[in-house]
Amino acid sequence: MAHWNEPPPPQTPITITITDGLVSASGPDLAAVQMTPQVAIATGIRLIEAAAQAQGQSDVSASRGLRDQA
């Protein structure tokens, strides 16, 4: 969850490029990171797992809101 002084999270995916056998990820505000393929794979798995968990939390929060309104 963003704090009051933080910008909202981006609503578009980051850009991924491959250069000289390295994976580069760049996002808003010129944030960028360069990784080996092995680290990129591990990071991708962690992102997918975290996204699924966060989506589940959002689904639970939404269903609680609906239940509270009933």
PDB file of N, CA and C in Angstrom:
ATOM      1  N   MET A   1       0.843  -1.170   0.000  1.00  0.00           N
ATOM      2  CA  MET A   1       0.000   0.000   0.000  1.00  0.00           C
ATOM      3  C   MET A   1       0.892   1.239   0.000  1.00  0.00           C
ATOM      4  N   ALA A   2       0.552   2.214  -0.813  1.00  0.00           N
ATOM      5  CA  ALA A   2       1.334   3.450  -0.911  1.00  0.00           C
ATOM      6  C   ALA A   2       1.057   4.349   0.288  1.00  0.00           C
ATOM      7  N   HIS A   3       2.088   5.033   0.725  1.00  0.00           N
ATOM      8  CA  HIS A   3       1.931   6.010   1.789  1.00  0.00           C
ATOM      9  C   HIS A   3       1.491   7.330   1.171  1.00  0.00           C
ATOM     10  N   TRP A   4       1.059   8.263   1.978  1.00  0.00           N
ATOM     11  CA  TRP A   4       0.490   9.517   1.483  1.00  0.00           C
ATOM     12  C   TRP A   4       1.449  10.291   0.603  1.00  0.00           C
ATOM     13  N   ASN A   5       2.756  10.183   0.828  1.00  0.00           N
ATOM     14  CA  ASN A   5       3.720  10.969   0.052  1.00  0.00           C
ATOM     15  C   ASN A   5       4.310  10.196  -1.124  1.00  0.00           C
ATOM     16  N   GLU A   6       3.853   8.987  -1.375  1.00  0.00           N
ATOM     17  CA  GLU A   6       4.353   8.193  -2.483  1.00  0.00           C
ATOM     18  C   GLU A   6       3.405   8.293  -3.671  1.00  0.00           C
ATOM     19  N   PRO A   7       3.956   8.303  -4.873  1.00  0.00           N
ATOM     20  CA  PRO A   7       3.068   8.305  -6.046  1.00  0.00           C
ATOM     21  C   PRO A   7       2.342   6.959  -6.135  1.00  0.00           C
ATOM     22  N   PRO A   8       1.207   6.913  -6.811  1.00  0.00           N
ATOM     23  CA  PRO A   8       0.507   5.639  -6.958  1.00  0.00           C
ATOM     24  C   PRO A   8       1.345   4.664  -7.789  1.00  0.00           C
ATOM     25  N   PRO A   9       1.143   3.367  -7.602  1.00  0.00           N
ATOM     26  CA  PRO A   9       1.923   2.411  -8.395  1.00  0.00           C
ATOM     27  C   PRO A   9       1.588   2.529  -9.878  1.00  0.00           C
ATOM     28  N   PRO A  10       2.545   2.237 -10.733  1.00  0.00           N
ATOM     29  CA  PRO A  10       2.287   2.329 -12.166  1.00  0.00           C
ATOM     30  C   PRO A  10       1.207   1.333 -12.596  1.00  0.00           C
ATOM     31  N   GLN A  11       0.483   1.692 -13.631  1.00  0.00           N
ATOM     32  CA  GLN A  11      -0.584   0.845 -14.152  1.00  0.00           C
ATOM     33  C   GLN A  11      -0.181   0.154 -15.456  1.00  0.00           C
ATOM     34  N   THR A  12       1.067   0.306 -15.860  1.00  0.00           N
ATOM     35  CA  THR A  12       1.562  -0.333 -17.080  1.00  0.00           C
ATOM     36  C   THR A  12       2.780  -1.187 -16.737  1.00  0.00           C
ATOM     37  N   PRO A  13       2.984  -2.276 -17.457  1.00  0.00           N
ATOM     38  CA  PRO A  13       4.149  -3.137 -17.184  1.00  0.00           C
ATOM     39  C   PRO A  13       5.461  -2.413 -17.482  1.00  0.00           C
ATOM     40  N   ILE A  14       6.523  -2.867 -16.836  1.00  0.00           N
ATOM     41  CA  ILE A  14       7.841  -2.308 -17.117  1.00  0.00           C
ATOM     42  C   ILE A  14       8.334  -2.837 -18.459  1.00  0.00           C
ATOM     43  N   THR A  15       9.340  -2.191 -18.998  1.00  0.00           N
ATOM     44  CA  THR A  15       9.925  -2.582 -20.282  1.00  0.00           C
ATOM     45  C   THR A  15      11.086  -3.533 -20.031  1.00  0.00           C
ATOM     46  N   ILE A  16      11.110  -4.632 -20.779  1.00  0.00           N
ATOM     47  CA  ILE A  16      12.182  -5.616 -20.663  1.00  0.00           C
ATOM     48  C   ILE A  16      12.944  -5.673 -21.980  1.00  0.00           C
ATOM     49  N   THR A  17      14.278  -5.591 -21.908  1.00  0.00           N
ATOM     50  CA  THR A  17      15.115  -5.713 -23.098  1.00  0.00           C
ATOM     51  C   THR A  17      16.255  -6.682 -22.807  1.00  0.00           C
ATOM     52  N   ILE A  18      16.854  -7.203 -23.867  1.00  0.00           N
ATOM     53  CA  ILE A  18      17.999  -8.102 -23.748  1.00  0.00           C
ATOM     54  C   ILE A  18      19.146  -7.487 -24.540  1.00  0.00           C
ATOM     55  N   THR A  19      20.286  -7.316 -23.869  1.00  0.00           N
ATOM     56  CA  THR A  19      21.463  -6.751 -24.521  1.00  0.00           C
ATOM     57  C   THR A  19      22.694  -7.512 -24.059  1.00  0.00           C
ATOM     58  N   ASP A  20      23.441  -8.027 -25.007  1.00  0.00           N
ATOM     59  CA  ASP A  20      24.690  -8.730 -24.695  1.00  0.00           C
ATOM     60  C   ASP A  20      24.497  -9.831 -23.649  1.00  0.00           C
ATOM     61  N   GLY A  21      23.386 -10.559 -23.734  1.00  0.00           N
ATOM     62  CA  GLY A  21      23.138 -11.676 -22.830  1.00  0.00           C
ATOM     63  C   GLY A  21      22.634 -11.288 -21.456  1.00  0.00           C
ATOM     64  N   LEU A  22      22.355 -10.017 -21.227  1.00  0.00           N
ATOM     65  CA  LEU A  22      21.811  -9.556 -19.955  1.00  0.00           C
ATOM     66  C   LEU A  22      20.377  -9.075 -20.147  1.00  0.00           C
ATOM     67  N   VAL A  23      19.578  -9.227 -19.118  1.00  0.00           N
ATOM     68  CA  VAL A  23      18.188  -8.791 -19.144  1.00  0.00           C
ATOM     69  C   VAL A  23      18.099  -7.458 -18.416  1.00  0.00           C
ATOM     70  N   SER A  24      17.509  -6.469 -19.066  1.00  0.00           N
ATOM     71  CA  SER A  24      17.327  -5.156 -18.458  1.00  0.00           C
ATOM     72  C   SER A  24      15.848  -4.891 -18.278  1.00  0.00           C
ATOM     73  N   ALA A  25      15.502  -4.382 -17.114  1.00  0.00           N
ATOM     74  CA  ALA A  25      14.122  -3.994 -16.818  1.00  0.00           C
ATOM     75  C   ALA A  25      14.133  -2.518 -16.493  1.00  0.00           C
ATOM     76  N   SER A  26      13.275  -1.748 -17.163  1.00  0.00           N
ATOM     77  CA  SER A  26      13.206  -0.314 -16.891  1.00  0.00           C
ATOM     78  C   SER A  26      11.755   0.088 -16.719  1.00  0.00           C
ATOM     79  N   GLY A  27      11.552   0.979 -15.779  1.00  0.00           N
ATOM     80  CA  GLY A  27      10.199   1.409 -15.461  1.00  0.00           C
ATOM     81  C   GLY A  27      10.083   2.912 -15.398  1.00  0.00           C
ATOM     82  N   PRO A  28       9.027   3.367 -14.755  1.00  0.00           N
ATOM     83  CA  PRO A  28       8.799   4.805 -14.645  1.00  0.00           C
ATOM     84  C   PRO A  28       9.898   5.489 -13.827  1.00  0.00           C
ATOM     85  N   ASP A  29      10.014   6.758 -14.001  1.00  0.00           N
ATOM     86  CA  ASP A  29      11.000   7.570 -13.267  1.00  0.00           C
ATOM     87  C   ASP A  29      12.429   7.090 -13.496  1.00  0.00           C
ATOM     88  N   LEU A  30      12.675   6.506 -14.658  1.00  0.00           N
ATOM     89  CA  LEU A  30      14.003   6.050 -15.054  1.00  0.00           C
ATOM     90  C   LEU A  30      14.580   4.973 -14.151  1.00  0.00           C
ATOM     91  N   ALA A  31      13.736   4.286 -13.384  1.00  0.00           N
ATOM     92  CA  ALA A  31      14.207   3.162 -12.581  1.00  0.00           C
ATOM     93  C   ALA A  31      14.621   2.050 -13.529  1.00  0.00           C
ATOM     94  N   ALA A  32      15.801   1.476 -13.314  1.00  0.00           N
ATOM     95  CA  ALA A  32      16.283   0.420 -14.205  1.00  0.00           C
ATOM     96  C   ALA A  32      17.159  -0.548 -13.427  1.00  0.00           C
ATOM     97  N   VAL A  33      17.170  -1.785 -13.899  1.00  0.00           N
ATOM     98  CA  VAL A  33      18.032  -2.809 -13.299  1.00  0.00           C
ATOM     99  C   VAL A  33      18.476  -3.756 -14.403  1.00  0.00           C
ATOM    100  N   GLN A  34      19.708  -4.236 -14.299  1.00  0.00           N
ATOM    101  CA  GLN A  34      20.250  -5.173 -15.274  1.00  0.00           C
ATOM    102  C   GLN A  34      20.583  -6.462 -14.528  1.00  0.00           C
ATOM    103  N   MET A  35      20.198  -7.629 -15.109  1.00  0.00           N
ATOM    104  CA  MET A  35      20.357  -8.914 -14.436  1.00  0.00           C
ATOM    105  C   MET A  35      20.898  -9.964 -15.388  1.00  0.00           C
ATOM    106  N   THR A  36      21.533 -10.980 -14.804  1.00  0.00           N
ATOM    107  CA  THR A  36      21.888 -12.158 -15.592  1.00  0.00           C
ATOM    108  C   THR A  36      20.593 -12.912 -15.888  1.00  0.00           C
ATOM    109  N   PRO A  37      20.607 -13.783 -16.884  1.00  0.00           N
ATOM    110  CA  PRO A  37      19.398 -14.558 -17.172  1.00  0.00           C
ATOM    111  C   PRO A  37      18.911 -15.369 -15.964  1.00  0.00           C
ATOM    112  N   GLN A  38      19.823 -15.956 -15.201  1.00  0.00           N
ATOM    113  CA  GLN A  38      19.429 -16.755 -14.038  1.00  0.00           C
ATOM    114  C   GLN A  38      18.721 -15.899 -12.982  1.00  0.00           C
ATOM    115  N   VAL A  39      19.248 -14.723 -12.723  1.00  0.00           N
ATOM    116  CA  VAL A  39      18.628 -13.822 -11.745  1.00  0.00           C
ATOM    117  C   VAL A  39      17.296 -13.315 -12.270  1.00  0.00           C
ATOM    118  N   ALA A  40      17.208 -13.055 -13.569  1.00  0.00           N
ATOM    119  CA  ALA A  40      15.945 -12.605 -14.160  1.00  0.00           C
ATOM    120  C   ALA A  40      14.860 -13.674 -14.010  1.00  0.00           C
ATOM    121  N   ILE A  41      15.223 -14.939 -14.230  1.00  0.00           N
ATOM    122  CA  ILE A  41      14.247 -16.033 -14.065  1.00  0.00           C
ATOM    123  C   ILE A  41      13.780 -16.104 -12.622  1.00  0.00           C
ATOM    124  N   ALA A  42      14.702 -16.079 -11.667  1.00  0.00           N
ATOM    125  CA  ALA A  42      14.336 -16.143 -10.250  1.00  0.00           C
ATOM    126  C   ALA A  42      13.467 -14.944  -9.859  1.00  0.00           C
ATOM    127  N   THR A  43      13.814 -13.766 -10.353  1.00  0.00           N
ATOM    128  CA  THR A  43      13.036 -12.558 -10.059  1.00  0.00           C
ATOM    129  C   THR A  43      11.639 -12.669 -10.666  1.00  0.00           C
ATOM    130  N   GLY A  44      11.547 -13.177 -11.883  1.00  0.00           N
ATOM    131  CA  GLY A  44      10.252 -13.350 -12.533  1.00  0.00           C
ATOM    132  C   GLY A  44       9.347 -14.278 -11.746  1.00  0.00           C
ATOM    133  N   ILE A  45       9.904 -15.375 -11.258  1.00  0.00           N
ATOM    134  CA  ILE A  45       9.117 -16.311 -10.446  1.00  0.00           C
ATOM    135  C   ILE A  45       8.629 -15.622  -9.177  1.00  0.00           C
ATOM    136  N   ARG A  46       9.508 -14.893  -8.520  1.00  0.00           N
ATOM    137  CA  ARG A  46       9.112 -14.182  -7.290  1.00  0.00           C
ATOM    138  C   ARG A  46       8.037 -13.136  -7.566  1.00  0.00           C
ATOM    139  N   LEU A  47       8.152 -12.426  -8.700  1.00  0.00           N
ATOM    140  CA  LEU A  47       7.130 -11.433  -9.065  1.00  0.00           C
ATOM    141  C   LEU A  47       5.766 -12.088  -9.286  1.00  0.00           C
ATOM    142  N   ILE A  48       5.764 -13.211  -9.993  1.00  0.00           N
ATOM    143  CA  ILE A  48       4.508 -13.909 -10.253  1.00  0.00           C
ATOM    144  C   ILE A  48       3.887 -14.404  -8.945  1.00  0.00           C
ATOM    145  N   GLU A  49       4.699 -14.980  -8.069  1.00  0.00           N
ATOM    146  CA  GLU A  49       4.184 -15.456  -6.785  1.00  0.00           C
ATOM    147  C   GLU A  49       3.635 -14.309  -5.937  1.00  0.00           C
ATOM    148  N   ALA A  50       4.359 -13.196  -5.886  1.00  0.00           N
ATOM    149  CA  ALA A  50       3.908 -12.045  -5.100  1.00  0.00           C
ATOM    150  C   ALA A  50       2.645 -11.426  -5.698  1.00  0.00           C
ATOM    151  N   ALA A  51       2.580 -11.366  -7.021  1.00  0.00           N
ATOM    152  CA  ALA A  51       1.393 -10.806  -7.674  1.00  0.00           C
ATOM    153  C   ALA A  51       0.167 -11.663  -7.382  1.00  0.00           C
ATOM    154  N   ALA A  52       0.318 -12.980  -7.420  1.00  0.00           N
ATOM    155  CA  ALA A  52      -0.803 -13.873  -7.115  1.00  0.00           C
ATOM    156  C   ALA A  52      -1.258 -13.686  -5.672  1.00  0.00           C
ATOM    157  N   GLN A  53      -0.306 -13.540  -4.759  1.00  0.00           N
ATOM    158  CA  GLN A  53      -0.647 -13.330  -3.349  1.00  0.00           C
ATOM    159  C   GLN A  53      -1.341 -11.976  -3.166  1.00  0.00           C
ATOM    160  N   ALA A  54      -0.825 -10.942  -3.795  1.00  0.00           N
ATOM    161  CA  ALA A  54      -1.437  -9.612  -3.676  1.00  0.00           C
ATOM    162  C   ALA A  54      -2.833  -9.602  -4.277  1.00  0.00           C
ATOM    163  N   GLN A  55      -2.999 -10.287  -5.405  1.00  0.00           N
ATOM    164  CA  GLN A  55      -4.319 -10.353  -6.025  1.00  0.00           C
ATOM    165  C   GLN A  55      -5.297 -11.074  -5.103  1.00  0.00           C
ATOM    166  N   GLY A  56      -4.843 -12.121  -4.449  1.00  0.00           N
ATOM    167  CA  GLY A  56      -5.681 -12.832  -3.482  1.00  0.00           C
ATOM    168  C   GLY A  56      -6.085 -11.929  -2.333  1.00  0.00           C
ATOM    169  N   GLN A  57      -5.167 -11.086  -1.861  1.00  0.00           N
ATOM    170  CA  GLN A  57      -5.490 -10.153  -0.783  1.00  0.00           C
ATOM    171  C   GLN A  57      -6.527  -9.148  -1.251  1.00  0.00           C
ATOM    172  N   SER A  58      -6.402  -8.686  -2.495  1.00  0.00           N
ATOM    173  CA  SER A  58      -7.381  -7.744  -3.041  1.00  0.00           C
ATOM    174  C   SER A  58      -8.743  -8.404  -3.163  1.00  0.00           C
ATOM    175  N   ASP A  59      -8.761  -9.669  -3.627  1.00  0.00           N
ATOM    176  CA  ASP A  59     -10.020 -10.397  -3.764  1.00  0.00           C
ATOM    177  C   ASP A  59     -10.686 -10.580  -2.411  1.00  0.00           C
ATOM    178  N   VAL A  60      -9.896 -10.900  -1.384  1.00  0.00           N
ATOM    179  CA  VAL A  60     -10.441 -11.082  -0.040  1.00  0.00           C
ATOM    180  C   VAL A  60     -10.993  -9.763   0.484  1.00  0.00           C
ATOM    181  N   SER A  61     -10.253  -8.671   0.287  1.00  0.00           N
ATOM    182  CA  SER A  61     -10.713  -7.356   0.739  1.00  0.00           C
ATOM    183  C   SER A  61     -12.012  -6.976   0.045  1.00  0.00           C
ATOM    184  N   ALA A  62     -12.100  -7.238  -1.250  1.00  0.00           N
ATOM    185  CA  ALA A  62     -13.312  -6.903  -1.997  1.00  0.00           C
ATOM    186  C   ALA A  62     -14.486  -7.735  -1.514  1.00  0.00           C
ATOM    187  N   SER A  63     -14.255  -9.026  -1.270  1.00  0.00           N
ATOM    188  CA  SER A  63     -15.368  -9.871  -0.824  1.00  0.00           C
ATOM    189  C   SER A  63     -15.806  -9.485   0.586  1.00  0.00           C
ATOM    190  N   ARG A  64     -14.887  -9.052   1.428  1.00  0.00           N
ATOM    191  CA  ARG A  64     -15.254  -8.588   2.779  1.00  0.00           C
ATOM    192  C   ARG A  64     -16.137  -7.347   2.662  1.00  0.00           C
ATOM    193  N   GLY A  65     -15.776  -6.452   1.752  1.00  0.00           N
ATOM    194  CA  GLY A  65     -16.573  -5.239   1.557  1.00  0.00           C
ATOM    195  C   GLY A  65     -17.984  -5.560   1.117  1.00  0.00           C
ATOM    196  N   LEU A  66     -18.116  -6.530   0.223  1.00  0.00           N
ATOM    197  CA  LEU A  66     -19.449  -6.931  -0.231  1.00  0.00           C
ATOM    198  C   LEU A  66     -20.230  -7.571   0.911  1.00  0.00           C
ATOM    199  N   ARG A  67     -19.557  -8.400   1.697  1.00  0.00           N
ATOM    200  CA  ARG A  67     -20.216  -9.062   2.813  1.00  0.00           C
ATOM    201  C   ARG A  67     -20.644  -8.022   3.855  1.00  0.00           C
ATOM    202  N   ASP A  68     -19.806  -7.019   4.101  1.00  0.00           N
ATOM    203  CA  ASP A  68     -20.137  -5.986   5.089  1.00  0.00           C
ATOM    204  C   ASP A  68     -21.345  -5.155   4.654  1.00  0.00           C
ATOM    205  N   GLN A  69     -21.527  -5.019   3.341  1.00  0.00           N
ATOM    206  CA  GLN A  69     -22.658  -4.224   2.833  1.00  0.00           C
ATOM    207  C   GLN A  69     -23.961  -4.994   2.882  1.00  0.00           C
ATOM    208  N   ALA A  70     -23.883  -6.324   2.973  1.00  0.00           N
ATOM    209  CA  ALA A  70     -25.106  -7.154   2.948  1.00  0.00           C
ATOM    210  C   ALA A  70     -25.880  -7.064   4.237  1.00  0.00           C
TER     211      ALA A  70
END
